[in-house]
């Protein structure tokens, strides 16, 4: 069965270019040209990946993102937009986006992101299980997190970051490794997006509890471990 992708993009030339390229690679592509119809399809169709523009007629991409995430935490979502500042990316990631590609882009880069996101989902479904460290429990199938029996609500980006740290618990991961495996995009050398998200995660997973699990190794990166 081919991978089904929903593309929500209001620029006809851009959507036709993306659709043609993805279909040539064997993907099944459905296109919506406004946010309202795109949201309806995303919530009613069985899709494997959502590619979502931010600036759309009807409802904005961020509004669609929020609506989809309330019902589906597991669906990979790639934001496609001309808005490329760090703040714009944080808005998308905070809303639950898995990746962010800025226009203009090379189709080869888009294809690499699509493959990475769909591959990650298939791996997650195949390995769906519980990961544990101390009193922290992450269910990668149900997409739930709890610590000391208390549920913790994370965005999709925060969940992916926590899962990465947990799968490599005890090992220091550099910012470059985290970006490669969790963001699948190259950041400017001065970008602090990863540090911001580690801080978000600490506030939810560590701050309310006495025992801290997320640690900074100065000059090297981050590690999840018991002290």
N, C-alpha and C. Protein backbone atom coordinates (compact mmCIF):
# COMPACT_ATOMS: atom_id res chain seq x y z
N UNK A 1 0.85 -1.20 0.00
CA UNK A 1 0.00 0.00 0.00
C UNK A 1 0.89 1.25 0.00
N UNK A 2 0.59 2.20 -0.90
CA UNK A 2 1.42 3.40 -1.01
C UNK A 2 1.14 4.36 0.14
N UNK A 3 2.15 5.16 0.44
CA UNK A 3 2.02 6.17 1.49
C UNK A 3 1.13 7.31 0.99
N UNK A 4 0.13 7.68 1.80
CA UNK A 4 -0.81 8.73 1.41
C UNK A 4 -0.44 10.04 2.08
N UNK A 5 -0.26 11.07 1.27
CA UNK A 5 0.15 12.39 1.76
C UNK A 5 -0.94 13.41 1.46
N UNK A 6 -1.30 14.21 2.45
CA UNK A 6 -2.20 15.35 2.24
C UNK A 6 -1.36 16.61 2.16
N UNK A 7 -1.46 17.31 1.04
CA UNK A 7 -0.74 18.57 0.83
C UNK A 7 -1.74 19.72 0.89
N UNK A 8 -1.55 20.63 1.82
CA UNK A 8 -2.42 21.81 1.94
C UNK A 8 -1.59 23.03 1.53
N UNK A 9 -1.80 23.49 0.33
CA UNK A 9 -0.99 24.56 -0.28
C UNK A 9 -1.86 25.33 -1.26
N UNK A 10 -1.95 26.65 -1.08
CA UNK A 10 -2.89 27.44 -1.90
C UNK A 10 -2.27 27.98 -3.19
N UNK A 11 -0.95 27.87 -3.36
CA UNK A 11 -0.33 28.35 -4.60
C UNK A 11 -0.35 27.22 -5.63
N UNK A 12 -1.15 27.36 -6.70
CA UNK A 12 -1.33 26.26 -7.67
C UNK A 12 -0.02 25.74 -8.26
N UNK A 13 0.91 26.63 -8.61
CA UNK A 13 2.16 26.18 -9.22
C UNK A 13 2.99 25.38 -8.22
N UNK A 14 3.02 25.85 -6.98
CA UNK A 14 3.80 25.15 -5.95
C UNK A 14 3.18 23.78 -5.66
N UNK A 15 1.86 23.75 -5.50
CA UNK A 15 1.20 22.49 -5.19
C UNK A 15 1.34 21.49 -6.33
N UNK A 16 1.24 21.97 -7.58
CA UNK A 16 1.38 21.08 -8.74
C UNK A 16 2.80 20.51 -8.82
N UNK A 17 3.79 21.37 -8.53
CA UNK A 17 5.19 20.95 -8.54
C UNK A 17 5.45 19.87 -7.50
N UNK A 18 4.95 20.09 -6.29
CA UNK A 18 5.16 19.13 -5.20
C UNK A 18 4.42 17.83 -5.49
N UNK A 19 3.17 17.97 -5.93
CA UNK A 19 2.36 16.77 -6.19
C UNK A 19 3.00 15.90 -7.27
N UNK A 20 3.41 16.53 -8.35
CA UNK A 20 4.00 15.78 -9.45
C UNK A 20 5.26 15.05 -8.99
N UNK A 21 6.11 15.76 -8.27
CA UNK A 21 7.36 15.15 -7.81
C UNK A 21 7.14 13.99 -6.86
N UNK A 22 6.19 14.15 -5.93
CA UNK A 22 5.93 13.08 -4.96
C UNK A 22 5.26 11.87 -5.63
N UNK A 23 4.36 12.14 -6.57
CA UNK A 23 3.71 11.03 -7.27
C UNK A 23 4.72 10.25 -8.11
N UNK A 24 5.71 10.95 -8.67
CA UNK A 24 6.76 10.26 -9.43
C UNK A 24 7.59 9.35 -8.53
N UNK A 25 7.61 9.66 -7.23
CA UNK A 25 8.34 8.84 -6.27
C UNK A 25 7.47 7.73 -5.68
N UNK A 26 6.22 7.65 -6.15
CA UNK A 26 5.35 6.56 -5.72
C UNK A 26 4.39 6.89 -4.60
N UNK A 27 4.34 8.16 -4.18
CA UNK A 27 3.41 8.55 -3.12
C UNK A 27 2.03 8.85 -3.69
N UNK A 28 1.00 8.62 -2.88
CA UNK A 28 -0.38 8.96 -3.22
C UNK A 28 -0.66 10.33 -2.60
N UNK A 29 -0.91 11.35 -3.43
CA UNK A 29 -1.01 12.73 -2.95
C UNK A 29 -2.42 13.28 -3.15
N UNK A 30 -2.98 13.84 -2.07
CA UNK A 30 -4.26 14.55 -2.11
C UNK A 30 -3.96 16.02 -1.81
N UNK A 31 -4.58 16.93 -2.57
CA UNK A 31 -4.28 18.35 -2.42
C UNK A 31 -5.52 19.11 -1.96
N UNK A 32 -5.32 20.02 -1.00
CA UNK A 32 -6.35 20.98 -0.58
C UNK A 32 -5.76 22.37 -0.75
N UNK A 33 -6.59 23.30 -1.25
CA UNK A 33 -6.08 24.64 -1.56
C UNK A 33 -6.46 25.70 -0.53
N UNK A 34 -7.12 25.31 0.55
CA UNK A 34 -7.40 26.26 1.64
C UNK A 34 -7.39 25.51 2.97
N UNK A 35 -7.23 26.28 4.04
CA UNK A 35 -7.09 25.66 5.35
C UNK A 35 -8.32 24.94 5.84
N UNK A 36 -9.50 25.48 5.54
CA UNK A 36 -10.74 24.88 6.02
C UNK A 36 -10.94 23.48 5.44
N UNK A 37 -10.79 23.36 4.11
CA UNK A 37 -10.95 22.06 3.46
C UNK A 37 -9.81 21.12 3.86
N UNK A 38 -8.61 21.69 3.99
CA UNK A 38 -7.47 20.88 4.40
C UNK A 38 -7.67 20.26 5.77
N UNK A 39 -8.20 21.05 6.69
CA UNK A 39 -8.46 20.54 8.03
C UNK A 39 -9.50 19.42 7.99
N UNK A 40 -10.54 19.61 7.20
CA UNK A 40 -11.59 18.60 7.09
C UNK A 40 -11.01 17.28 6.58
N UNK A 41 -10.15 17.37 5.56
CA UNK A 41 -9.54 16.16 5.02
C UNK A 41 -8.60 15.51 6.04
N UNK A 42 -7.81 16.34 6.71
CA UNK A 42 -6.84 15.82 7.68
C UNK A 42 -7.51 15.06 8.81
N UNK A 43 -8.72 15.48 9.17
CA UNK A 43 -9.43 14.85 10.28
C UNK A 43 -10.31 13.69 9.85
N UNK A 44 -10.55 13.56 8.56
CA UNK A 44 -11.47 12.52 8.09
C UNK A 44 -10.80 11.44 7.25
N UNK A 45 -9.66 11.76 6.63
CA UNK A 45 -8.99 10.81 5.74
C UNK A 45 -7.89 10.05 6.49
N UNK A 46 -7.65 8.82 6.06
CA UNK A 46 -6.54 8.04 6.62
C UNK A 46 -5.27 8.41 5.85
N UNK A 47 -4.47 9.33 6.43
CA UNK A 47 -3.26 9.81 5.76
C UNK A 47 -2.03 9.46 6.60
N UNK A 48 -0.89 9.40 5.92
CA UNK A 48 0.36 9.03 6.58
C UNK A 48 1.26 10.23 6.85
N UNK A 49 1.00 11.35 6.18
CA UNK A 49 1.81 12.55 6.35
C UNK A 49 1.01 13.77 5.91
N UNK A 50 1.12 14.85 6.65
CA UNK A 50 0.48 16.12 6.30
C UNK A 50 1.56 17.15 6.00
N UNK A 51 1.52 17.71 4.79
CA UNK A 51 2.40 18.83 4.43
C UNK A 51 1.52 20.08 4.41
N UNK A 52 1.86 21.05 5.24
CA UNK A 52 0.95 22.13 5.55
C UNK A 52 1.61 23.50 5.40
N UNK A 53 1.06 24.33 4.50
CA UNK A 53 1.52 25.71 4.40
C UNK A 53 1.00 26.49 5.60
N UNK A 54 1.66 27.58 5.94
CA UNK A 54 1.22 28.38 7.08
C UNK A 54 0.18 29.43 6.66
N UNK A 55 0.49 30.17 5.62
CA UNK A 55 -0.42 31.25 5.18
C UNK A 55 -1.40 30.68 4.16
N UNK A 56 -2.64 30.49 4.60
CA UNK A 56 -3.67 29.86 3.78
C UNK A 56 -4.97 30.65 3.85
N UNK A 57 -5.78 30.61 2.79
CA UNK A 57 -7.13 31.17 2.89
C UNK A 57 -7.99 30.31 3.80
N UNK A 58 -9.03 30.89 4.37
CA UNK A 58 -9.88 30.15 5.29
C UNK A 58 -9.25 30.14 6.66
N UNK A 59 -8.67 29.03 7.03
CA UNK A 59 -7.95 28.92 8.30
C UNK A 59 -6.45 28.86 8.03
N UNK A 60 -5.68 29.47 8.93
CA UNK A 60 -4.23 29.45 8.76
C UNK A 60 -3.69 28.05 9.02
N UNK A 61 -2.47 27.82 8.55
CA UNK A 61 -1.84 26.53 8.79
C UNK A 61 -1.67 26.23 10.27
N UNK A 62 -1.39 27.26 11.07
CA UNK A 62 -1.22 27.05 12.51
C UNK A 62 -2.54 26.64 13.16
N UNK A 63 -3.66 27.20 12.67
CA UNK A 63 -4.97 26.81 13.19
C UNK A 63 -5.29 25.37 12.82
N UNK A 64 -4.96 25.00 11.58
CA UNK A 64 -5.17 23.61 11.14
C UNK A 64 -4.31 22.67 11.97
N UNK A 65 -3.06 23.06 12.18
CA UNK A 65 -2.13 22.26 12.98
C UNK A 65 -2.70 21.99 14.37
N UNK A 66 -3.21 23.03 15.00
CA UNK A 66 -3.77 22.89 16.35
C UNK A 66 -4.97 21.95 16.35
N UNK A 67 -5.84 22.11 15.36
CA UNK A 67 -7.03 21.26 15.30
C UNK A 67 -6.67 19.80 15.08
N UNK A 68 -5.69 19.56 14.22
CA UNK A 68 -5.29 18.18 13.94
C UNK A 68 -4.64 17.55 15.16
N UNK A 69 -3.79 18.32 15.84
CA UNK A 69 -3.07 17.77 16.99
C UNK A 69 -4.01 17.43 18.17
N UNK A 70 -5.15 18.10 18.27
CA UNK A 70 -6.08 17.76 19.34
C UNK A 70 -6.66 16.37 19.16
N UNK A 71 -6.68 15.88 17.91
CA UNK A 71 -7.26 14.58 17.63
C UNK A 71 -6.24 13.52 17.24
N UNK A 72 -5.07 13.94 16.79
CA UNK A 72 -4.09 12.98 16.29
C UNK A 72 -2.68 13.45 16.66
N UNK A 73 -2.11 12.82 17.66
CA UNK A 73 -0.76 13.19 18.10
C UNK A 73 0.33 12.49 17.29
N UNK A 74 -0.04 11.41 16.60
CA UNK A 74 0.97 10.58 15.94
C UNK A 74 1.25 10.97 14.49
N UNK A 75 0.32 11.67 13.84
CA UNK A 75 0.47 12.00 12.43
C UNK A 75 1.68 12.91 12.19
N UNK A 76 2.64 12.52 11.35
CA UNK A 76 3.76 13.42 11.04
C UNK A 76 3.27 14.65 10.26
N UNK A 77 3.72 15.83 10.68
CA UNK A 77 3.30 17.08 10.03
C UNK A 77 4.52 17.91 9.68
N UNK A 78 4.64 18.23 8.40
CA UNK A 78 5.72 19.07 7.88
C UNK A 78 5.15 20.42 7.50
N UNK A 79 5.63 21.48 8.15
CA UNK A 79 5.19 22.83 7.81
C UNK A 79 6.03 23.35 6.65
N UNK A 80 5.36 23.95 5.68
CA UNK A 80 6.00 24.45 4.46
C UNK A 80 5.63 25.92 4.32
N UNK A 81 6.62 26.81 4.44
CA UNK A 81 6.26 28.22 4.51
C UNK A 81 7.40 29.14 4.13
N UNK A 82 7.05 30.37 3.80
CA UNK A 82 8.05 31.40 3.51
C UNK A 82 8.52 32.08 4.79
N UNK A 83 7.85 31.78 5.92
CA UNK A 83 8.19 32.41 7.20
C UNK A 83 9.26 31.56 7.88
N UNK A 84 10.51 32.04 7.87
CA UNK A 84 11.60 31.18 8.28
C UNK A 84 12.43 31.65 9.46
N UNK A 85 11.94 32.61 10.27
CA UNK A 85 12.72 33.03 11.42
C UNK A 85 12.63 31.98 12.52
N UNK A 86 13.55 32.07 13.48
CA UNK A 86 13.51 31.13 14.60
C UNK A 86 12.18 31.21 15.33
N UNK A 87 11.64 32.42 15.50
CA UNK A 87 10.36 32.58 16.19
C UNK A 87 9.23 31.91 15.42
N UNK A 88 9.26 32.03 14.09
CA UNK A 88 8.24 31.36 13.27
C UNK A 88 8.32 29.85 13.45
N UNK A 89 9.55 29.33 13.47
CA UNK A 89 9.72 27.89 13.65
C UNK A 89 9.22 27.45 15.02
N UNK A 90 9.51 28.24 16.05
CA UNK A 90 9.06 27.88 17.39
C UNK A 90 7.54 27.83 17.48
N UNK A 91 6.86 28.75 16.78
CA UNK A 91 5.40 28.74 16.77
C UNK A 91 4.89 27.44 16.17
N UNK A 92 5.51 27.02 15.07
CA UNK A 92 5.11 25.77 14.45
C UNK A 92 5.42 24.56 15.32
N UNK A 93 6.63 24.53 15.88
CA UNK A 93 7.01 23.41 16.73
C UNK A 93 6.15 23.36 18.00
N UNK A 94 5.86 24.53 18.58
CA UNK A 94 5.03 24.57 19.77
C UNK A 94 3.64 24.03 19.47
N UNK A 95 3.17 24.26 18.25
CA UNK A 95 1.84 23.78 17.87
C UNK A 95 1.81 22.30 17.58
N UNK A 96 2.97 21.68 17.48
CA UNK A 96 3.01 20.23 17.27
C UNK A 96 3.59 19.80 15.94
N UNK A 97 4.19 20.72 15.18
CA UNK A 97 4.81 20.33 13.90
C UNK A 97 6.03 19.46 14.16
N UNK A 98 6.29 18.52 13.24
CA UNK A 98 7.45 17.65 13.37
C UNK A 98 8.67 18.19 12.62
N UNK A 99 8.43 18.97 11.58
CA UNK A 99 9.53 19.50 10.80
C UNK A 99 9.06 20.78 10.11
N UNK A 100 10.03 21.55 9.61
CA UNK A 100 9.74 22.89 9.10
C UNK A 100 10.65 23.14 7.90
N UNK A 101 10.07 23.33 6.73
CA UNK A 101 10.85 23.58 5.52
C UNK A 101 10.49 24.96 4.97
N UNK A 102 11.52 25.76 4.76
CA UNK A 102 11.30 27.15 4.36
C UNK A 102 11.41 27.30 2.84
N UNK A 103 10.45 28.01 2.26
CA UNK A 103 10.48 28.33 0.83
C UNK A 103 11.50 29.45 0.58
N UNK A 104 12.16 29.46 -0.57
CA UNK A 104 12.16 28.44 -1.61
C UNK A 104 13.01 27.25 -1.18
N UNK A 105 12.72 26.08 -1.72
CA UNK A 105 13.43 24.87 -1.33
C UNK A 105 13.69 24.02 -2.57
N UNK A 106 14.67 23.13 -2.46
CA UNK A 106 14.93 22.15 -3.51
C UNK A 106 14.02 20.95 -3.26
N UNK A 107 13.48 20.39 -4.34
CA UNK A 107 12.59 19.24 -4.16
C UNK A 107 13.32 18.09 -3.48
N UNK A 108 14.62 17.93 -3.75
CA UNK A 108 15.39 16.85 -3.13
C UNK A 108 15.36 16.97 -1.60
N UNK A 109 15.39 18.21 -1.10
CA UNK A 109 15.35 18.39 0.36
C UNK A 109 13.97 18.05 0.89
N UNK A 110 12.92 18.49 0.18
CA UNK A 110 11.56 18.13 0.59
C UNK A 110 11.41 16.62 0.63
N UNK A 111 11.89 15.94 -0.39
CA UNK A 111 11.77 14.49 -0.48
C UNK A 111 12.49 13.82 0.69
N UNK A 112 13.66 14.34 1.05
CA UNK A 112 14.42 13.77 2.17
C UNK A 112 13.63 13.91 3.47
N UNK A 113 12.98 15.09 3.66
CA UNK A 113 12.18 15.29 4.87
C UNK A 113 10.98 14.34 4.89
N UNK A 114 10.33 14.19 3.74
CA UNK A 114 9.16 13.31 3.64
C UNK A 114 9.56 11.87 3.99
N UNK A 115 10.67 11.42 3.42
CA UNK A 115 11.13 10.05 3.69
C UNK A 115 11.46 9.86 5.17
N UNK A 116 12.13 10.85 5.75
CA UNK A 116 12.52 10.74 7.16
C UNK A 116 11.29 10.67 8.07
N UNK A 117 10.29 11.51 7.79
CA UNK A 117 9.10 11.55 8.64
C UNK A 117 8.27 10.29 8.51
N UNK A 118 8.09 9.80 7.29
CA UNK A 118 7.30 8.59 7.11
C UNK A 118 8.05 7.37 7.65
N UNK A 119 9.37 7.37 7.52
CA UNK A 119 10.18 6.27 8.06
C UNK A 119 10.11 6.25 9.59
N UNK A 120 10.19 7.44 10.18
CA UNK A 120 10.12 7.53 11.64
C UNK A 120 8.79 6.98 12.16
N UNK A 121 7.71 7.30 11.43
CA UNK A 121 6.41 6.82 11.88
C UNK A 121 6.31 5.30 11.80
N UNK A 122 6.80 4.74 10.69
CA UNK A 122 6.72 3.29 10.53
C UNK A 122 7.58 2.58 11.57
N UNK A 123 8.73 3.17 11.91
CA UNK A 123 9.59 2.59 12.94
C UNK A 123 8.91 2.66 14.30
N UNK A 124 8.27 3.80 14.57
CA UNK A 124 7.59 3.97 15.86
C UNK A 124 6.46 2.96 16.01
N UNK A 125 5.72 2.74 14.91
CA UNK A 125 4.63 1.78 14.98
C UNK A 125 5.15 0.36 15.19
N UNK A 126 6.29 0.08 14.55
CA UNK A 126 6.86 -1.26 14.67
C UNK A 126 7.42 -1.50 16.07
N UNK A 127 7.98 -0.45 16.69
CA UNK A 127 8.65 -0.61 17.97
C UNK A 127 7.78 -0.19 19.16
N UNK A 128 6.53 0.21 18.86
CA UNK A 128 5.68 0.78 19.89
C UNK A 128 5.78 0.05 21.22
N UNK A 129 6.28 0.71 22.24
CA UNK A 129 6.50 0.06 23.53
C UNK A 129 6.73 1.12 24.59
N UNK A 130 6.90 0.66 25.80
CA UNK A 130 7.15 1.59 26.89
C UNK A 130 8.65 1.73 27.12
N UNK A 131 9.06 2.98 27.32
CA UNK A 131 10.44 3.29 27.68
C UNK A 131 10.43 3.85 29.10
N UNK A 132 11.41 3.46 29.92
CA UNK A 132 11.41 3.86 31.32
C UNK A 132 12.78 4.32 31.79
N UNK A 133 12.75 5.26 32.72
CA UNK A 133 13.94 5.65 33.47
C UNK A 133 13.44 6.18 34.81
N UNK A 134 13.89 5.55 35.89
CA UNK A 134 13.42 5.92 37.23
C UNK A 134 11.89 5.86 37.24
N UNK A 135 11.22 6.95 37.61
CA UNK A 135 9.75 6.96 37.68
C UNK A 135 9.12 7.57 36.42
N UNK A 136 9.94 7.75 35.37
CA UNK A 136 9.45 8.30 34.10
C UNK A 136 9.07 7.15 33.17
N UNK A 137 7.85 7.22 32.62
CA UNK A 137 7.36 6.18 31.70
C UNK A 137 6.85 6.87 30.43
N UNK A 138 7.39 6.45 29.28
CA UNK A 138 6.96 6.98 27.98
C UNK A 138 6.43 5.82 27.15
N UNK A 139 5.20 5.95 26.68
CA UNK A 139 4.61 4.94 25.80
C UNK A 139 4.69 5.47 24.38
N UNK A 140 5.55 4.88 23.57
CA UNK A 140 5.77 5.41 22.22
C UNK A 140 4.65 5.06 21.26
N UNK A 141 3.80 4.09 21.62
CA UNK A 141 2.65 3.76 20.77
C UNK A 141 1.48 4.67 21.08
N UNK A 142 1.17 4.83 22.37
CA UNK A 142 0.04 5.66 22.77
C UNK A 142 0.40 7.14 22.83
N UNK A 143 1.69 7.45 22.72
CA UNK A 143 2.19 8.84 22.78
C UNK A 143 1.82 9.49 24.11
N UNK A 144 2.05 8.75 25.20
CA UNK A 144 1.76 9.29 26.53
C UNK A 144 3.04 9.33 27.36
N UNK A 145 3.06 10.26 28.31
CA UNK A 145 4.20 10.42 29.22
C UNK A 145 3.66 10.55 30.63
N UNK A 146 4.30 9.87 31.58
CA UNK A 146 3.91 10.01 32.98
C UNK A 146 5.16 9.94 33.85
N UNK A 147 5.12 10.67 34.94
CA UNK A 147 6.21 10.60 35.91
C UNK A 147 5.62 10.49 37.30
N UNK A 148 6.07 9.50 38.07
CA UNK A 148 5.53 9.22 39.39
C UNK A 148 4.01 9.06 39.31
N UNK A 149 3.55 8.49 38.21
CA UNK A 149 2.13 8.26 38.02
C UNK A 149 1.34 9.46 37.57
N UNK A 150 1.99 10.61 37.41
CA UNK A 150 1.30 11.83 37.00
C UNK A 150 1.45 12.03 35.49
N UNK A 151 0.33 12.16 34.74
CA UNK A 151 0.41 12.39 33.30
C UNK A 151 1.09 13.72 33.00
N UNK A 152 1.92 13.74 31.96
CA UNK A 152 2.60 14.95 31.51
C UNK A 152 2.23 15.18 30.05
N UNK A 153 1.70 16.36 29.75
CA UNK A 153 1.29 16.67 28.39
C UNK A 153 2.44 17.35 27.65
N UNK A 154 2.87 16.75 26.53
CA UNK A 154 3.96 17.30 25.73
C UNK A 154 3.47 17.57 24.31
N UNK A 155 4.10 18.54 23.66
CA UNK A 155 3.86 18.75 22.24
C UNK A 155 4.55 17.62 21.47
N UNK A 156 4.24 17.48 20.19
CA UNK A 156 4.88 16.44 19.38
C UNK A 156 6.38 16.61 19.36
N UNK A 157 6.85 17.85 19.26
CA UNK A 157 8.29 18.12 19.23
C UNK A 157 8.95 17.74 20.55
N UNK A 158 8.32 18.09 21.66
CA UNK A 158 8.87 17.75 22.97
C UNK A 158 8.89 16.24 23.17
N UNK A 159 7.84 15.57 22.72
CA UNK A 159 7.77 14.11 22.85
C UNK A 159 8.90 13.45 22.07
N UNK A 160 9.13 13.91 20.83
CA UNK A 160 10.20 13.33 20.02
C UNK A 160 11.57 13.53 20.67
N UNK A 161 11.77 14.70 21.25
CA UNK A 161 13.04 14.99 21.92
C UNK A 161 13.22 14.10 23.14
N UNK A 162 12.16 13.96 23.94
CA UNK A 162 12.24 13.10 25.13
C UNK A 162 12.48 11.64 24.73
N UNK A 163 11.78 11.18 23.69
CA UNK A 163 11.97 9.80 23.23
C UNK A 163 13.42 9.57 22.79
N UNK A 164 13.99 10.53 22.08
CA UNK A 164 15.38 10.40 21.63
C UNK A 164 16.32 10.29 22.83
N UNK A 165 16.15 11.17 23.80
CA UNK A 165 17.01 11.15 24.98
C UNK A 165 16.84 9.84 25.75
N UNK A 166 15.60 9.36 25.82
CA UNK A 166 15.31 8.15 26.58
C UNK A 166 15.86 6.90 25.89
N UNK A 167 15.79 6.87 24.56
CA UNK A 167 16.34 5.73 23.83
C UNK A 167 17.87 5.68 23.92
N UNK A 168 18.48 6.84 24.24
CA UNK A 168 19.94 6.91 24.38
C UNK A 168 20.32 7.30 25.80
N UNK A 169 19.50 6.89 26.78
CA UNK A 169 19.76 7.28 28.16
C UNK A 169 21.16 6.88 28.59
N UNK A 170 21.81 7.79 29.30
CA UNK A 170 23.17 7.56 29.76
C UNK A 170 24.23 8.03 28.78
N UNK A 171 23.80 8.37 27.56
CA UNK A 171 24.76 8.83 26.53
C UNK A 171 24.55 10.31 26.27
N UNK A 172 25.64 11.07 26.23
CA UNK A 172 25.56 12.50 25.95
C UNK A 172 25.32 12.70 24.46
N UNK A 173 24.25 13.42 24.13
CA UNK A 173 23.93 13.72 22.74
C UNK A 173 24.26 15.17 22.45
N UNK A 174 25.03 15.40 21.41
CA UNK A 174 25.37 16.78 21.03
C UNK A 174 24.16 17.46 20.40
N UNK A 175 24.20 18.78 20.32
CA UNK A 175 23.11 19.51 19.67
C UNK A 175 22.97 19.08 18.21
N UNK A 176 24.11 18.79 17.57
CA UNK A 176 24.06 18.34 16.18
C UNK A 176 23.33 17.01 16.04
N UNK A 177 23.58 16.08 16.97
CA UNK A 177 22.90 14.78 16.92
C UNK A 177 21.41 14.94 17.17
N UNK A 178 21.07 15.81 18.11
CA UNK A 178 19.66 16.04 18.40
C UNK A 178 18.96 16.65 17.20
N UNK A 179 19.62 17.62 16.56
CA UNK A 179 19.03 18.25 15.37
C UNK A 179 18.84 17.23 14.26
N UNK A 180 19.83 16.37 14.07
CA UNK A 180 19.78 15.38 12.98
C UNK A 180 18.66 14.38 13.18
N UNK A 181 18.48 13.91 14.41
CA UNK A 181 17.52 12.85 14.66
C UNK A 181 16.12 13.35 15.03
N UNK A 182 16.02 14.56 15.53
CA UNK A 182 14.72 15.04 15.99
C UNK A 182 14.14 16.11 15.09
N UNK A 183 15.00 16.92 14.51
CA UNK A 183 14.52 17.99 13.63
C UNK A 183 14.69 17.66 12.15
N UNK A 184 15.71 16.88 11.85
CA UNK A 184 16.04 16.55 10.46
C UNK A 184 16.22 17.80 9.60
N UNK A 185 16.81 18.82 10.17
CA UNK A 185 17.12 20.01 9.40
C UNK A 185 18.36 20.66 9.99
N UNK A 186 19.06 21.40 9.18
CA UNK A 186 20.27 22.08 9.64
C UNK A 186 19.91 23.46 10.18
N UNK A 187 20.36 23.76 11.39
CA UNK A 187 20.12 25.07 11.98
C UNK A 187 21.34 25.95 11.82
N UNK A 188 21.13 27.26 11.84
CA UNK A 188 22.26 28.17 11.86
C UNK A 188 23.09 27.89 13.12
N UNK A 189 24.37 28.11 13.01
CA UNK A 189 25.26 27.81 14.13
C UNK A 189 24.83 28.53 15.41
N UNK A 190 24.27 29.72 15.26
CA UNK A 190 23.88 30.49 16.43
C UNK A 190 22.49 30.22 16.93
N UNK A 191 21.77 29.30 16.30
CA UNK A 191 20.39 29.03 16.69
C UNK A 191 20.33 28.39 18.07
N UNK A 192 19.35 28.82 18.87
CA UNK A 192 19.20 28.24 20.21
C UNK A 192 17.91 27.44 20.32
N UNK A 193 17.34 27.00 19.20
CA UNK A 193 16.07 26.29 19.22
C UNK A 193 16.15 25.03 20.07
N UNK A 194 17.22 24.26 19.93
CA UNK A 194 17.34 23.02 20.69
C UNK A 194 17.43 23.31 22.18
N UNK A 195 18.20 24.32 22.56
CA UNK A 195 18.31 24.69 23.98
C UNK A 195 16.95 25.12 24.53
N UNK A 196 16.20 25.85 23.71
CA UNK A 196 14.86 26.28 24.12
C UNK A 196 13.98 25.07 24.40
N UNK A 197 14.04 24.07 23.52
CA UNK A 197 13.18 22.90 23.69
C UNK A 197 13.61 22.00 24.83
N UNK A 198 14.90 21.92 25.08
CA UNK A 198 15.36 21.18 26.25
C UNK A 198 14.83 21.86 27.51
N UNK A 199 14.82 23.19 27.51
CA UNK A 199 14.30 23.93 28.65
C UNK A 199 12.80 23.69 28.83
N UNK A 200 12.05 23.69 27.70
CA UNK A 200 10.62 23.37 27.76
C UNK A 200 10.42 22.01 28.42
N UNK A 201 11.22 21.04 27.97
CA UNK A 201 11.09 19.67 28.47
C UNK A 201 11.42 19.60 29.96
N UNK A 202 12.47 20.31 30.37
CA UNK A 202 12.84 20.32 31.78
C UNK A 202 11.71 20.87 32.66
N UNK A 203 11.07 21.93 32.18
CA UNK A 203 9.99 22.54 32.96
C UNK A 203 8.84 21.57 33.20
N UNK A 204 8.64 20.64 32.27
CA UNK A 204 7.53 19.70 32.40
C UNK A 204 7.93 18.37 33.05
N UNK A 205 9.12 17.88 32.70
CA UNK A 205 9.53 16.54 33.13
C UNK A 205 10.36 16.56 34.42
N UNK A 206 11.11 17.62 34.64
CA UNK A 206 12.02 17.67 35.79
C UNK A 206 11.59 18.64 36.89
N UNK A 207 11.18 19.83 36.51
CA UNK A 207 10.97 20.90 37.49
C UNK A 207 10.02 20.52 38.62
N UNK A 208 8.90 19.84 38.34
CA UNK A 208 7.97 19.53 39.44
C UNK A 208 8.44 18.40 40.35
N UNK A 209 9.58 17.78 40.05
CA UNK A 209 10.02 16.60 40.79
C UNK A 209 11.39 16.81 41.42
N UNK A 210 11.63 16.11 42.53
CA UNK A 210 12.88 16.31 43.27
C UNK A 210 14.09 15.77 42.49
N UNK A 211 13.94 14.58 41.90
CA UNK A 211 15.06 13.96 41.18
C UNK A 211 15.10 14.48 39.74
N UNK A 212 16.21 15.06 39.34
CA UNK A 212 16.37 15.59 37.99
C UNK A 212 16.97 14.52 37.07
N UNK A 213 16.40 14.42 35.87
CA UNK A 213 16.82 13.40 34.93
C UNK A 213 17.53 13.98 33.70
N UNK A 214 17.22 15.22 33.34
CA UNK A 214 17.82 15.84 32.15
C UNK A 214 19.01 16.69 32.59
N UNK A 215 20.19 16.37 32.06
CA UNK A 215 21.40 17.06 32.50
C UNK A 215 22.15 17.67 31.33
N UNK A 216 22.76 18.81 31.59
CA UNK A 216 23.62 19.49 30.61
C UNK A 216 25.07 19.10 30.86
N UNK A 217 25.76 18.69 29.81
CA UNK A 217 27.21 18.46 29.91
C UNK A 217 27.85 19.61 29.14
N UNK A 218 28.43 20.54 29.87
CA UNK A 218 28.93 21.79 29.29
C UNK A 218 29.88 21.52 28.14
N UNK A 219 29.60 22.17 27.02
CA UNK A 219 30.45 22.05 25.84
C UNK A 219 30.24 20.78 25.03
N UNK A 220 29.32 19.92 25.50
CA UNK A 220 29.12 18.64 24.81
C UNK A 220 27.67 18.40 24.40
N UNK A 221 26.71 18.68 25.28
CA UNK A 221 25.32 18.47 24.91
C UNK A 221 24.45 18.10 26.10
N UNK A 222 23.51 17.17 25.89
CA UNK A 222 22.53 16.82 26.92
C UNK A 222 22.46 15.31 27.10
N UNK A 223 22.08 14.89 28.31
CA UNK A 223 21.98 13.47 28.60
C UNK A 223 20.82 13.24 29.56
N UNK A 224 20.13 12.12 29.40
CA UNK A 224 19.06 11.72 30.30
C UNK A 224 19.59 10.56 31.14
N UNK A 225 19.67 10.77 32.47
CA UNK A 225 20.19 9.73 33.35
C UNK A 225 19.84 10.05 34.79
N UNK A 226 19.92 9.02 35.63
CA UNK A 226 19.75 9.22 37.06
C UNK A 226 21.08 9.63 37.67
N UNK A 227 21.02 10.58 38.58
CA UNK A 227 22.26 11.02 39.25
C UNK A 227 22.41 10.28 40.58
